Amino acid sequence: MLVLNDYYKLRNSMETSNRFSNSTLNPDKYIWTESSKNIDNPSNKRLPKISIITVTYNSADTVADTLKSVQSQDYQNVEHIIIDGRSQDETVNIIRSFPHVAKWIT
């Protein structure tokens, strides 16, 4: 659950990155850093959950790229939800081959 204080930290970190256009931003200003990559780290439980929802229909040509992209993210508290419109191609088999998908609705 996102605590109000965490919401403001997240919002402020995004505003900081939008305010400065140079590449010398200090990563310590952000709510998640390199140290949060370890899923066993107890501090990860305080990170807000990010839900990524992907909608597909007969997307066998492109869905694997999307799934690989989400799977490769460093942020650990992510749930990936797939909503499929009863695809008739290989989309379903491709989705099944990615274990990081939290929910799959068809």
C-alpha atoms as a PDB file:
ATOM      1  CA  MET A   1       0.000   0.000   0.000  1.00  0.00           C
ATOM      2  CA  LEU A   2       1.310   3.399  -0.908  1.00  0.00           C
ATOM      3  CA  VAL A   3       1.698   5.561   2.148  1.00  0.00           C
ATOM      4  CA  LEU A   4       1.081   9.269   1.650  1.00  0.00           C
ATOM      5  CA  ASN A   5       4.632  10.105   2.669  1.00  0.00           C
ATOM      6  CA  ASP A   6       6.001   7.671   0.042  1.00  0.00           C
ATOM      7  CA  TYR A   7       3.728   9.262  -2.556  1.00  0.00           C
ATOM      8  CA  TYR A   8       5.267  12.673  -1.923  1.00  0.00           C
ATOM      9  CA  LYS A   9       8.796  11.240  -2.064  1.00  0.00           C
ATOM     10  CA  LEU A  10       8.022   9.581  -5.395  1.00  0.00           C
ATOM     11  CA  ARG A  11       6.345  12.701  -6.782  1.00  0.00           C
ATOM     12  CA  ASN A  12       9.203  14.916  -5.622  1.00  0.00           C
ATOM     13  CA  SER A  13      11.798  12.624  -7.168  1.00  0.00           C
ATOM     14  CA  MET A  14       9.970  12.764 -10.508  1.00  0.00           C
ATOM     15  CA  GLU A  15       9.715  16.551 -10.303  1.00  0.00           C
ATOM     16  CA  THR A  16      13.432  16.736  -9.599  1.00  0.00           C
ATOM     17  CA  SER A  17      14.254  14.713 -12.689  1.00  0.00           C
ATOM     18  CA  ASN A  18      11.934  16.830 -14.829  1.00  0.00           C
ATOM     19  CA  ARG A  19      13.318  20.094 -13.486  1.00  0.00           C
ATOM     20  CA  PHE A  20      16.884  19.398 -14.538  1.00  0.00           C
ATOM     21  CA  SER A  21      17.785  18.467 -18.064  1.00  0.00           C
ATOM     22  CA  ASN A  22      21.488  17.757 -17.571  1.00  0.00           C
ATOM     23  CA  SER A  23      22.830  14.251 -17.069  1.00  0.00           C
ATOM     24  CA  THR A  24      24.579  14.992 -13.762  1.00  0.00           C
ATOM     25  CA  LEU A  25      21.553  14.204 -11.602  1.00  0.00           C
ATOM     26  CA  ASN A  26      22.338  12.677  -8.248  1.00  0.00           C
ATOM     27  CA  PRO A  27      20.697   9.223  -7.957  1.00  0.00           C
ATOM     28  CA  ASP A  28      20.477   9.649  -4.162  1.00  0.00           C
ATOM     29  CA  LYS A  29      17.549  12.038  -4.742  1.00  0.00           C
ATOM     30  CA  TYR A  30      15.338   9.222  -5.978  1.00  0.00           C
ATOM     31  CA  ILE A  31      13.207   6.869  -3.926  1.00  0.00           C
ATOM     32  CA  TRP A  32      14.817   3.814  -5.548  1.00  0.00           C
ATOM     33  CA  THR A  33      18.503   3.443  -6.300  1.00  0.00           C
ATOM     34  CA  GLU A  34      20.912   0.708  -7.310  1.00  0.00           C
ATOM     35  CA  SER A  35      20.740  -0.717  -3.780  1.00  0.00           C
ATOM     36  CA  SER A  36      17.060  -1.541  -4.220  1.00  0.00           C
ATOM     37  CA  LYS A  37      17.764  -4.168  -6.874  1.00  0.00           C
ATOM     38  CA  ASN A  38      18.097  -6.859  -4.197  1.00  0.00           C
ATOM     39  CA  ILE A  39      14.601  -8.303  -3.767  1.00  0.00           C
ATOM     40  CA  ASP A  40      15.500  -9.679  -0.316  1.00  0.00           C
ATOM     41  CA  ASN A  41      16.281  -6.196   0.932  1.00  0.00           C
ATOM     42  CA  PRO A  42      13.647  -5.327   3.617  1.00  0.00           C
ATOM     43  CA  SER A  43      13.540  -1.719   2.418  1.00  0.00           C
ATOM     44  CA  ASN A  44      11.934  -2.919  -0.846  1.00  0.00           C
ATOM     45  CA  LYS A  45       8.697  -3.505   1.055  1.00  0.00           C
ATOM     46  CA  ARG A  46       8.319   0.234   1.508  1.00  0.00           C
ATOM     47  CA  LEU A  47       8.643   0.905  -2.221  1.00  0.00           C
ATOM     48  CA  PRO A  48       5.365   1.580  -4.007  1.00  0.00           C
ATOM     49  CA  LYS A  49       4.106  -1.195  -6.246  1.00  0.00           C
ATOM     50  CA  ILE A  50       4.143  -0.320  -9.921  1.00  0.00           C
ATOM     51  CA  SER A  51       1.504  -2.120 -12.009  1.00  0.00           C
ATOM     52  CA  ILE A  52       2.168  -2.458 -15.714  1.00  0.00           C
ATOM     53  CA  ILE A  53      -0.859  -3.470 -17.750  1.00  0.00           C
ATOM     54  CA  THR A  54      -0.319  -4.745 -21.272  1.00  0.00           C
ATOM     55  CA  VAL A  55      -3.310  -5.206 -23.567  1.00  0.00           C
ATOM     56  CA  THR A  56      -2.860  -7.655 -26.435  1.00  0.00           C
ATOM     57  CA  TYR A  57      -4.750  -9.193 -29.302  1.00  0.00           C
ATOM     58  CA  ASN A  58      -2.973 -11.404 -31.827  1.00  0.00           C
ATOM     59  CA  SER A  59       0.326  -9.783 -30.874  1.00  0.00           C
ATOM     60  CA  ALA A  60       2.696 -12.707 -31.371  1.00  0.00           C
ATOM     61  CA  ASP A  61       5.060 -10.533 -33.419  1.00  0.00           C
ATOM     62  CA  THR A  62       5.521  -7.887 -30.716  1.00  0.00           C
ATOM     63  CA  VAL A  63       4.462  -9.200 -27.292  1.00  0.00           C
ATOM     64  CA  ALA A  64       7.788 -10.951 -26.597  1.00  0.00           C
ATOM     65  CA  ASP A  65       9.650  -7.638 -26.918  1.00  0.00           C
ATOM     66  CA  THR A  66       7.230  -6.024 -24.468  1.00  0.00           C
ATOM     67  CA  LEU A  67       7.537  -8.881 -21.977  1.00  0.00           C
ATOM     68  CA  LYS A  68      11.349  -8.844 -22.173  1.00  0.00           C
ATOM     69  CA  SER A  69      11.385  -5.101 -21.606  1.00  0.00           C
ATOM     70  CA  VAL A  70       9.236  -5.318 -18.472  1.00  0.00           C
ATOM     71  CA  GLN A  71      11.172  -8.322 -17.176  1.00  0.00           C
ATOM     72  CA  SER A  72      14.495  -6.486 -17.539  1.00  0.00           C
ATOM     73  CA  GLN A  73      13.521  -3.510 -15.359  1.00  0.00           C
ATOM     74  CA  ASP A  74      15.630  -2.932 -12.229  1.00  0.00           C
ATOM     75  CA  TYR A  75      12.775  -1.763 -10.030  1.00  0.00           C
ATOM     76  CA  GLN A  76      11.741  -4.745  -7.930  1.00  0.00           C
ATOM     77  CA  ASN A  77       8.192  -4.036  -6.757  1.00  0.00           C
ATOM     78  CA  VAL A  78       6.483  -4.463 -10.133  1.00  0.00           C
ATOM     79  CA  GLU A  79       3.469  -6.519 -11.110  1.00  0.00           C
ATOM     80  CA  HIS A  80       2.853  -7.189 -14.789  1.00  0.00           C
ATOM     81  CA  ILE A  81      -0.749  -7.818 -15.802  1.00  0.00           C
ATOM     82  CA  ILE A  82      -1.634  -9.027 -19.291  1.00  0.00           C
ATOM     83  CA  ILE A  83      -5.124  -8.532 -20.713  1.00  0.00           C
ATOM     84  CA  ASP A  84      -5.550 -10.579 -23.863  1.00  0.00           C
ATOM     85  CA  GLY A  85      -8.542 -10.351 -26.181  1.00  0.00           C
ATOM     86  CA  ARG A  86      -8.680 -14.101 -26.930  1.00  0.00           C
ATOM     87  CA  SER A  87      -5.809 -14.090 -29.366  1.00  0.00           C
ATOM     88  CA  GLN A  88      -5.914 -16.751 -32.073  1.00  0.00           C
ATOM     89  CA  ASP A  89      -2.170 -16.721 -32.830  1.00  0.00           C
ATOM     90  CA  GLU A  90       0.830 -17.717 -30.657  1.00  0.00           C
ATOM     91  CA  THR A  91       0.374 -14.787 -28.232  1.00  0.00           C
ATOM     92  CA  VAL A  92      -0.946 -17.018 -25.436  1.00  0.00           C
ATOM     93  CA  ASN A  93       1.992 -19.440 -25.657  1.00  0.00           C
ATOM     94  CA  ILE A  94       4.470 -16.565 -25.595  1.00  0.00           C
ATOM     95  CA  ILE A  95       2.811 -15.035 -22.516  1.00  0.00           C
ATOM     96  CA  ARG A  96       2.909 -18.408 -20.725  1.00  0.00           C
ATOM     97  CA  SER A  97       6.672 -18.633 -21.300  1.00  0.00           C
ATOM     98  CA  PHE A  98       7.355 -15.534 -19.147  1.00  0.00           C
ATOM     99  CA  PRO A  99       7.108 -16.383 -15.425  1.00  0.00           C
ATOM    100  CA  HIS A 100       7.252 -12.760 -14.238  1.00  0.00           C
ATOM    101  CA  VAL A 101       3.667 -12.105 -15.391  1.00  0.00           C
ATOM    102  CA  ALA A 102       1.619 -11.676 -12.201  1.00  0.00           C
ATOM    103  CA  LYS A 103      -1.844 -12.014 -13.791  1.00  0.00           C
ATOM    104  CA  TRP A 104      -3.155 -12.988 -17.164  1.00  0.00           C
ATOM    105  CA  ILE A 105      -6.736 -12.288 -18.197  1.00  0.00           C
ATOM    106  CA  THR A 106      -8.269 -13.473 -21.434  1.00  0.00           C
END
